[in-house]
Amino acid sequence: MDSSTSNSETSDATVTGPGVQVNAQYIKDLSFENPNTPGTITVEEEPNIEVNIDVKGSKLDDAVYEVVLTLSAIGQSADTKLFIAELSYAGIFALSNIKEEDVQPTLLISCPTLLFPFARNIIADVTRDGGFPPLLMQPVDFHQLYVQSQQKT
């Protein structure tokens, strides 16, 4: 078997299997509030940080979707708000050969899993640039979040 036959077979398998293609990814909205500076910059105690995550998907065109991953983090020390970071990070995804019943799980599990490392990095940079230690969010199990959201409905 020559290498051109092998490459052709690989290409055919890639085209016929289900797939997710990232066409674009971008910051849709970003906000950082540092409401009590400069007094909060020197706070020595470990802040309490509340993190919320939301994912939404919407159809743009035939088999093309926008997925928006929203991360919000609020840092507090005692009764003082240290910071509020909010990010909506989006991607445009082209889906191919995915069954209709698998589209929603793909949009709400696979797509945010691809976006999360980039969004996590932005949140870490913004909190660091705001004068705090970088907020390094733990990995998120988007499958578990999807299952929980389905149980609520």
N, C-alpha and C. Protein backbone atom coordinates (compact mmCIF):
# COMPACT_ATOMS: atom_id res chain seq x y z
N MET A 1 0.86 -1.17 0.00
CA MET A 1 0.00 0.00 0.00
C MET A 1 0.90 1.23 0.00
N ASP A 2 0.63 2.15 -0.91
CA ASP A 2 1.45 3.36 -0.95
C ASP A 2 0.87 4.45 -0.06
N SER A 3 1.66 5.50 0.18
CA SER A 3 1.23 6.54 1.12
C SER A 3 0.05 7.34 0.63
N SER A 4 -0.15 7.47 -0.69
CA SER A 4 -1.29 8.23 -1.18
C SER A 4 -2.59 7.51 -0.90
N THR A 5 -2.59 6.18 -0.96
CA THR A 5 -3.79 5.41 -0.63
C THR A 5 -4.12 5.57 0.86
N SER A 6 -3.10 5.51 1.68
CA SER A 6 -3.29 5.65 3.12
C SER A 6 -3.86 7.02 3.46
N ASN A 7 -3.32 8.09 2.87
CA ASN A 7 -3.82 9.44 3.13
C ASN A 7 -5.25 9.60 2.66
N SER A 8 -5.59 8.99 1.53
CA SER A 8 -6.94 9.07 1.00
C SER A 8 -7.92 8.40 1.95
N GLU A 9 -7.56 7.24 2.46
CA GLU A 9 -8.43 6.54 3.40
C GLU A 9 -8.63 7.34 4.67
N THR A 10 -7.59 7.98 5.16
CA THR A 10 -7.68 8.82 6.35
C THR A 10 -8.61 9.99 6.09
N SER A 11 -8.49 10.62 4.93
CA SER A 11 -9.33 11.77 4.60
C SER A 11 -10.79 11.36 4.54
N ASP A 12 -11.08 10.20 3.91
CA ASP A 12 -12.46 9.74 3.82
C ASP A 12 -13.05 9.48 5.20
N ALA A 13 -12.28 8.89 6.10
CA ALA A 13 -12.77 8.62 7.45
C ALA A 13 -13.06 9.91 8.20
N THR A 14 -12.24 10.92 7.99
CA THR A 14 -12.45 12.20 8.65
C THR A 14 -13.71 12.87 8.14
N VAL A 15 -13.95 12.80 6.84
CA VAL A 15 -15.10 13.47 6.25
C VAL A 15 -16.40 12.78 6.65
N THR A 16 -16.42 11.45 6.73
CA THR A 16 -17.67 10.74 6.98
C THR A 16 -18.04 10.64 8.45
N GLY A 17 -17.09 10.77 9.36
CA GLY A 17 -17.40 10.66 10.78
C GLY A 17 -17.99 11.95 11.32
N PRO A 18 -18.66 11.85 12.48
CA PRO A 18 -19.20 13.08 13.09
C PRO A 18 -18.06 14.02 13.47
N GLY A 19 -18.33 15.31 13.37
CA GLY A 19 -17.26 16.24 13.69
C GLY A 19 -17.75 17.60 14.15
N VAL A 20 -16.86 18.26 14.86
CA VAL A 20 -17.07 19.63 15.33
C VAL A 20 -15.89 20.44 14.84
N GLN A 21 -16.18 21.47 14.08
CA GLN A 21 -15.12 22.35 13.58
C GLN A 21 -15.28 23.72 14.22
N VAL A 22 -14.19 24.24 14.78
CA VAL A 22 -14.20 25.58 15.37
C VAL A 22 -13.91 26.57 14.25
N ASN A 23 -14.90 27.39 13.89
CA ASN A 23 -14.71 28.40 12.84
C ASN A 23 -14.16 29.70 13.40
N ALA A 24 -14.50 30.01 14.65
CA ALA A 24 -14.02 31.25 15.29
C ALA A 24 -14.25 31.14 16.78
N GLN A 25 -13.49 31.89 17.53
CA GLN A 25 -13.74 32.04 18.97
C GLN A 25 -13.33 33.45 19.35
N TYR A 26 -14.07 34.02 20.33
CA TYR A 26 -13.89 35.44 20.62
C TYR A 26 -14.50 35.82 21.96
N ILE A 27 -14.03 36.95 22.49
CA ILE A 27 -14.64 37.53 23.68
C ILE A 27 -15.89 38.27 23.22
N LYS A 28 -17.03 37.88 23.76
CA LYS A 28 -18.29 38.55 23.43
C LYS A 28 -18.54 39.69 24.42
N ASP A 29 -18.18 39.47 25.69
CA ASP A 29 -18.35 40.50 26.72
C ASP A 29 -17.36 40.21 27.84
N LEU A 30 -16.74 41.27 28.35
CA LEU A 30 -15.77 41.12 29.44
C LEU A 30 -15.91 42.30 30.37
N SER A 31 -16.01 42.01 31.67
CA SER A 31 -16.13 43.06 32.67
C SER A 31 -15.31 42.68 33.90
N PHE A 32 -14.59 43.65 34.43
CA PHE A 32 -13.88 43.44 35.69
C PHE A 32 -14.10 44.66 36.55
N GLU A 33 -14.65 44.44 37.74
CA GLU A 33 -14.87 45.53 38.68
C GLU A 33 -13.97 45.32 39.89
N ASN A 34 -13.37 46.39 40.32
CA ASN A 34 -12.47 46.42 41.46
C ASN A 34 -13.00 47.51 42.39
N PRO A 35 -14.17 47.27 43.03
CA PRO A 35 -14.94 48.36 43.64
C PRO A 35 -14.34 49.03 44.86
N ASN A 36 -13.45 48.38 45.57
CA ASN A 36 -12.97 48.96 46.83
C ASN A 36 -11.46 49.19 46.85
N THR A 37 -10.88 49.40 45.70
CA THR A 37 -9.44 49.68 45.66
C THR A 37 -9.19 51.12 46.08
N PRO A 38 -8.06 51.47 46.58
CA PRO A 38 -6.88 50.63 46.71
C PRO A 38 -6.85 49.81 47.99
N GLY A 39 -7.81 49.98 48.87
CA GLY A 39 -7.78 49.29 50.16
C GLY A 39 -7.78 47.78 50.07
N THR A 40 -8.39 47.22 49.04
CA THR A 40 -8.48 45.76 48.94
C THR A 40 -7.24 45.11 48.35
N ILE A 41 -6.38 45.88 47.75
CA ILE A 41 -5.17 45.31 47.14
C ILE A 41 -4.26 44.68 48.18
N THR A 42 -4.26 45.22 49.39
CA THR A 42 -3.35 44.73 50.44
C THR A 42 -3.99 43.70 51.37
N VAL A 43 -5.20 43.23 51.05
CA VAL A 43 -5.86 42.22 51.89
C VAL A 43 -5.02 40.95 51.87
N GLU A 44 -4.67 40.46 53.06
CA GLU A 44 -3.78 39.31 53.17
C GLU A 44 -4.52 37.98 53.29
N GLU A 45 -5.76 38.01 53.77
CA GLU A 45 -6.47 36.74 53.96
C GLU A 45 -6.96 36.18 52.63
N GLU A 46 -7.14 34.86 52.63
CA GLU A 46 -7.62 34.16 51.43
C GLU A 46 -9.07 34.59 51.15
N PRO A 47 -9.35 35.11 49.96
CA PRO A 47 -10.72 35.53 49.67
C PRO A 47 -11.64 34.33 49.43
N ASN A 48 -12.91 34.54 49.69
CA ASN A 48 -13.94 33.57 49.34
C ASN A 48 -14.35 33.89 47.90
N ILE A 49 -14.29 32.90 47.03
CA ILE A 49 -14.59 33.15 45.62
C ILE A 49 -15.77 32.29 45.20
N GLU A 50 -16.78 32.94 44.66
CA GLU A 50 -17.96 32.27 44.14
C GLU A 50 -17.89 32.30 42.61
N VAL A 51 -17.99 31.13 41.99
CA VAL A 51 -17.91 31.03 40.53
C VAL A 51 -19.22 30.47 40.00
N ASN A 52 -19.73 31.09 38.94
CA ASN A 52 -20.93 30.61 38.27
C ASN A 52 -20.60 30.40 36.79
N ILE A 53 -21.20 29.35 36.23
CA ILE A 53 -20.95 28.99 34.84
C ILE A 53 -22.28 28.78 34.14
N ASP A 54 -22.37 29.30 32.91
CA ASP A 54 -23.57 29.12 32.10
C ASP A 54 -23.14 28.87 30.65
N VAL A 55 -23.90 28.06 29.94
CA VAL A 55 -23.62 27.78 28.54
C VAL A 55 -24.91 27.90 27.76
N LYS A 56 -24.84 28.59 26.63
CA LYS A 56 -25.99 28.73 25.74
C LYS A 56 -25.53 28.50 24.31
N GLY A 57 -26.39 27.86 23.53
CA GLY A 57 -26.10 27.64 22.12
C GLY A 57 -27.23 28.15 21.27
N SER A 58 -26.91 28.71 20.11
CA SER A 58 -27.95 29.18 19.20
C SER A 58 -27.53 28.89 17.76
N LYS A 59 -28.52 28.59 16.94
CA LYS A 59 -28.26 28.25 15.54
C LYS A 59 -28.08 29.52 14.74
N LEU A 60 -27.02 29.57 13.94
CA LEU A 60 -26.75 30.71 13.07
C LEU A 60 -27.13 30.41 11.63
N ASP A 61 -26.88 29.19 11.22
CA ASP A 61 -27.09 28.78 9.84
C ASP A 61 -27.24 27.26 9.84
N ASP A 62 -27.39 26.67 8.68
CA ASP A 62 -27.50 25.23 8.60
C ASP A 62 -26.23 24.58 9.14
N ALA A 63 -26.34 23.86 10.24
CA ALA A 63 -25.24 23.15 10.91
C ALA A 63 -24.15 24.08 11.45
N VAL A 64 -24.44 25.36 11.61
CA VAL A 64 -23.48 26.32 12.18
C VAL A 64 -24.13 26.96 13.41
N TYR A 65 -23.41 26.94 14.52
CA TYR A 65 -23.96 27.39 15.79
C TYR A 65 -22.97 28.30 16.51
N GLU A 66 -23.54 29.21 17.32
CA GLU A 66 -22.73 29.98 18.25
C GLU A 66 -22.96 29.40 19.64
N VAL A 67 -21.88 29.15 20.35
CA VAL A 67 -21.95 28.69 21.74
C VAL A 67 -21.29 29.75 22.59
N VAL A 68 -22.01 30.21 23.64
CA VAL A 68 -21.48 31.23 24.54
C VAL A 68 -21.30 30.62 25.93
N LEU A 69 -20.06 30.64 26.39
CA LEU A 69 -19.70 30.18 27.72
C LEU A 69 -19.54 31.41 28.60
N THR A 70 -20.37 31.52 29.64
CA THR A 70 -20.32 32.67 30.54
C THR A 70 -19.76 32.23 31.88
N LEU A 71 -18.69 32.90 32.29
CA LEU A 71 -18.06 32.65 33.59
C LEU A 71 -18.17 33.92 34.41
N SER A 72 -18.60 33.80 35.65
CA SER A 72 -18.59 34.95 36.54
C SER A 72 -17.95 34.52 37.86
N ALA A 73 -17.13 35.40 38.38
CA ALA A 73 -16.43 35.12 39.64
C ALA A 73 -16.51 36.35 40.52
N ILE A 74 -16.91 36.14 41.77
CA ILE A 74 -16.98 37.22 42.75
C ILE A 74 -16.06 36.86 43.90
N GLY A 75 -15.10 37.75 44.17
CA GLY A 75 -14.17 37.55 45.28
C GLY A 75 -14.56 38.43 46.44
N GLN A 76 -14.66 37.84 47.63
CA GLN A 76 -15.03 38.59 48.84
C GLN A 76 -14.09 38.23 49.98
N SER A 77 -13.89 39.21 50.85
CA SER A 77 -13.14 39.01 52.08
C SER A 77 -13.98 39.62 53.18
N ALA A 78 -14.46 38.79 54.08
CA ALA A 78 -15.41 39.22 55.12
C ALA A 78 -16.62 39.83 54.41
N ASP A 79 -16.95 41.08 54.70
CA ASP A 79 -18.10 41.74 54.06
C ASP A 79 -17.68 42.63 52.90
N THR A 80 -16.44 42.58 52.51
CA THR A 80 -15.93 43.47 51.47
C THR A 80 -15.81 42.74 50.14
N LYS A 81 -16.43 43.31 49.12
CA LYS A 81 -16.30 42.76 47.78
C LYS A 81 -14.95 43.16 47.23
N LEU A 82 -14.14 42.18 46.85
CA LEU A 82 -12.82 42.46 46.31
C LEU A 82 -12.85 42.69 44.81
N PHE A 83 -13.52 41.79 44.10
CA PHE A 83 -13.61 41.94 42.64
C PHE A 83 -14.82 41.20 42.10
N ILE A 84 -15.23 41.60 40.91
CA ILE A 84 -16.26 40.90 40.15
C ILE A 84 -15.72 40.76 38.73
N ALA A 85 -15.56 39.54 38.28
CA ALA A 85 -15.09 39.27 36.92
C ALA A 85 -16.18 38.52 36.17
N GLU A 86 -16.53 39.03 35.00
CA GLU A 86 -17.56 38.39 34.18
C GLU A 86 -17.06 38.30 32.75
N LEU A 87 -17.17 37.12 32.18
CA LEU A 87 -16.71 36.89 30.82
C LEU A 87 -17.73 36.05 30.06
N SER A 88 -18.09 36.52 28.88
CA SER A 88 -18.84 35.70 27.93
C SER A 88 -17.90 35.43 26.77
N TYR A 89 -17.51 34.18 26.64
CA TYR A 89 -16.55 33.77 25.61
C TYR A 89 -17.29 32.86 24.64
N ALA A 90 -17.22 33.18 23.36
CA ALA A 90 -18.05 32.47 22.38
C ALA A 90 -17.22 31.81 21.30
N GLY A 91 -17.85 30.86 20.66
CA GLY A 91 -17.25 30.19 19.52
C GLY A 91 -18.32 29.93 18.47
N ILE A 92 -17.89 29.94 17.22
CA ILE A 92 -18.75 29.55 16.11
C ILE A 92 -18.31 28.14 15.71
N PHE A 93 -19.25 27.22 15.72
CA PHE A 93 -18.95 25.81 15.47
C PHE A 93 -19.76 25.30 14.29
N ALA A 94 -19.10 24.57 13.40
CA ALA A 94 -19.78 23.87 12.31
C ALA A 94 -19.83 22.40 12.68
N LEU A 95 -21.03 21.86 12.70
CA LEU A 95 -21.22 20.45 13.05
C LEU A 95 -21.44 19.65 11.77
N SER A 96 -20.82 18.50 11.68
CA SER A 96 -21.01 17.66 10.50
C SER A 96 -21.30 16.22 10.93
N ASN A 97 -22.26 15.63 10.23
CA ASN A 97 -22.63 14.23 10.45
C ASN A 97 -22.99 13.93 11.90
N ILE A 98 -23.70 14.85 12.53
CA ILE A 98 -24.15 14.65 13.90
C ILE A 98 -25.66 14.49 13.88
N LYS A 99 -26.14 13.42 14.51
CA LYS A 99 -27.58 13.17 14.55
C LYS A 99 -28.29 14.31 15.26
N GLU A 100 -29.52 14.56 14.87
CA GLU A 100 -30.30 15.67 15.44
C GLU A 100 -30.38 15.58 16.96
N GLU A 101 -30.57 14.38 17.50
CA GLU A 101 -30.68 14.23 18.96
C GLU A 101 -29.35 14.45 19.67
N ASP A 102 -28.25 14.46 18.93
CA ASP A 102 -26.93 14.68 19.53
C ASP A 102 -26.44 16.12 19.40
N VAL A 103 -27.21 16.97 18.70
CA VAL A 103 -26.77 18.35 18.49
C VAL A 103 -26.70 19.11 19.82
N GLN A 104 -27.78 19.07 20.60
CA GLN A 104 -27.79 19.82 21.87
C GLN A 104 -26.68 19.36 22.82
N PRO A 105 -26.50 18.05 23.05
CA PRO A 105 -25.38 17.65 23.91
C PRO A 105 -24.02 18.08 23.36
N THR A 106 -23.87 18.05 22.05
CA THR A 106 -22.60 18.49 21.45
C THR A 106 -22.37 19.96 21.74
N LEU A 107 -23.42 20.77 21.56
CA LEU A 107 -23.29 22.22 21.79
C LEU A 107 -23.03 22.55 23.26
N LEU A 108 -23.63 21.79 24.17
CA LEU A 108 -23.55 22.14 25.59
C LEU A 108 -22.50 21.34 26.37
N ILE A 109 -21.87 20.36 25.72
CA ILE A 109 -20.81 19.59 26.38
C ILE A 109 -19.48 19.75 25.63
N SER A 110 -19.45 19.31 24.39
CA SER A 110 -18.19 19.32 23.62
C SER A 110 -17.68 20.72 23.33
N CYS A 111 -18.58 21.60 22.88
CA CYS A 111 -18.14 22.95 22.50
C CYS A 111 -17.61 23.76 23.69
N PRO A 112 -18.31 23.82 24.83
CA PRO A 112 -17.74 24.57 25.95
C PRO A 112 -16.46 23.93 26.50
N THR A 113 -16.34 22.61 26.34
CA THR A 113 -15.10 21.95 26.76
C THR A 113 -13.92 22.48 25.94
N LEU A 114 -14.16 22.76 24.66
CA LEU A 114 -13.12 23.33 23.80
C LEU A 114 -12.84 24.80 24.15
N LEU A 115 -13.87 25.54 24.54
CA LEU A 115 -13.72 26.97 24.84
C LEU A 115 -13.12 27.24 26.22
N PHE A 116 -13.39 26.36 27.18
CA PHE A 116 -13.05 26.63 28.58
C PHE A 116 -11.59 26.99 28.83
N PRO A 117 -10.61 26.28 28.28
CA PRO A 117 -9.22 26.65 28.60
C PRO A 117 -8.88 28.10 28.23
N PHE A 118 -9.45 28.58 27.13
CA PHE A 118 -9.20 29.96 26.70
C PHE A 118 -9.88 30.95 27.65
N ALA A 119 -11.13 30.65 28.02
CA ALA A 119 -11.87 31.52 28.94
C ALA A 119 -11.20 31.53 30.32
N ARG A 120 -10.75 30.38 30.78
CA ARG A 120 -10.06 30.27 32.07
C ARG A 120 -8.82 31.15 32.08
N ASN A 121 -8.08 31.14 31.00
CA ASN A 121 -6.87 31.96 30.89
C ASN A 121 -7.20 33.45 30.94
N ILE A 122 -8.27 33.85 30.29
CA ILE A 122 -8.67 35.27 30.30
C ILE A 122 -9.04 35.70 31.71
N ILE A 123 -9.82 34.88 32.42
CA ILE A 123 -10.19 35.20 33.81
C ILE A 123 -8.94 35.30 34.68
N ALA A 124 -7.99 34.39 34.51
CA ALA A 124 -6.75 34.44 35.30
C ALA A 124 -5.98 35.72 35.01
N ASP A 125 -5.88 36.10 33.74
CA ASP A 125 -5.16 37.32 33.38
C ASP A 125 -5.84 38.57 33.93
N VAL A 126 -7.16 38.62 33.83
CA VAL A 126 -7.90 39.80 34.27
C VAL A 126 -7.79 39.98 35.78
N THR A 127 -7.93 38.90 36.54
CA THR A 127 -7.81 39.04 38.00
C THR A 127 -6.39 39.44 38.39
N ARG A 128 -5.40 38.88 37.72
CA ARG A 128 -4.01 39.26 37.99
C ARG A 128 -3.78 40.74 37.64
N ASP A 129 -4.28 41.17 36.48
CA ASP A 129 -4.11 42.56 36.07
C ASP A 129 -4.90 43.51 36.96
N GLY A 130 -5.91 42.98 37.67
CA GLY A 130 -6.68 43.78 38.61
C GLY A 130 -6.01 43.92 39.97
N GLY A 131 -4.83 43.31 40.14
CA GLY A 131 -4.09 43.46 41.38
C GLY A 131 -4.23 42.30 42.35
N PHE A 132 -4.84 41.21 41.91
CA PHE A 132 -5.05 40.04 42.76
C PHE A 132 -4.26 38.86 42.21
N PRO A 133 -4.09 37.82 43.01
CA PRO A 133 -3.49 36.60 42.44
C PRO A 133 -4.39 36.08 41.31
N PRO A 134 -3.81 35.50 40.27
CA PRO A 134 -4.65 35.00 39.18
C PRO A 134 -5.63 33.94 39.67
N LEU A 135 -6.87 34.06 39.24
CA LEU A 135 -7.89 33.07 39.59
C LEU A 135 -7.76 31.91 38.61
N LEU A 136 -7.24 30.80 39.08
CA LEU A 136 -7.07 29.61 38.25
C LEU A 136 -8.24 28.67 38.50
N MET A 137 -9.24 28.75 37.64
CA MET A 137 -10.43 27.93 37.79
C MET A 137 -10.10 26.46 37.53
N GLN A 138 -10.71 25.60 38.31
CA GLN A 138 -10.53 24.16 38.13
C GLN A 138 -11.26 23.71 36.86
N PRO A 139 -10.82 22.62 36.24
CA PRO A 139 -11.53 22.10 35.07
C PRO A 139 -13.00 21.84 35.40
N VAL A 140 -13.84 21.99 34.39
CA VAL A 140 -15.28 21.85 34.56
C VAL A 140 -15.75 20.60 33.82
N ASP A 141 -16.62 19.84 34.47
CA ASP A 141 -17.23 18.66 33.85
C ASP A 141 -18.54 19.12 33.19
N PHE A 142 -18.46 19.50 31.92
CA PHE A 142 -19.64 20.00 31.22
C PHE A 142 -20.68 18.91 31.00
N HIS A 143 -20.25 17.66 30.96
CA HIS A 143 -21.22 16.57 30.86
C HIS A 143 -22.09 16.54 32.11
N GLN A 144 -21.47 16.65 33.27
CA GLN A 144 -22.23 16.65 34.53
C GLN A 144 -23.16 17.86 34.61
N LEU A 145 -22.70 19.03 34.18
CA LEU A 145 -23.57 20.22 34.17
C LEU A 145 -24.76 20.00 33.25
N TYR A 146 -24.53 19.37 32.10
CA TYR A 146 -25.61 19.09 31.15
C TYR A 146 -26.63 18.13 31.78
N VAL A 147 -26.14 17.07 32.41
CA VAL A 147 -27.04 16.10 33.06
C VAL A 147 -27.87 16.79 34.13
N GLN A 148 -27.24 17.64 34.95
CA GLN A 148 -27.97 18.37 35.99
C GLN A 148 -29.03 19.28 35.39
N SER A 149 -28.71 19.96 34.30
CA SER A 149 -29.69 20.87 33.68
C SER A 149 -30.86 20.09 33.09
N GLN A 150 -30.61 18.89 32.58
CA GLN A 150 -31.68 18.06 32.03
C GLN A 150 -32.58 17.52 33.13
N GLN A 151 -32.03 17.27 34.30
CA GLN A 151 -32.83 16.77 35.42
C GLN A 151 -33.75 17.84 35.97
N LYS A 152 -33.37 19.11 35.84
CA LYS A 152 -34.20 20.22 36.32
C LYS A 152 -35.42 20.43 35.44
N THR A 153 -35.33 20.05 34.14
CA THR A 153 -36.44 20.29 33.22
C THR A 153 -37.35 19.11 33.09
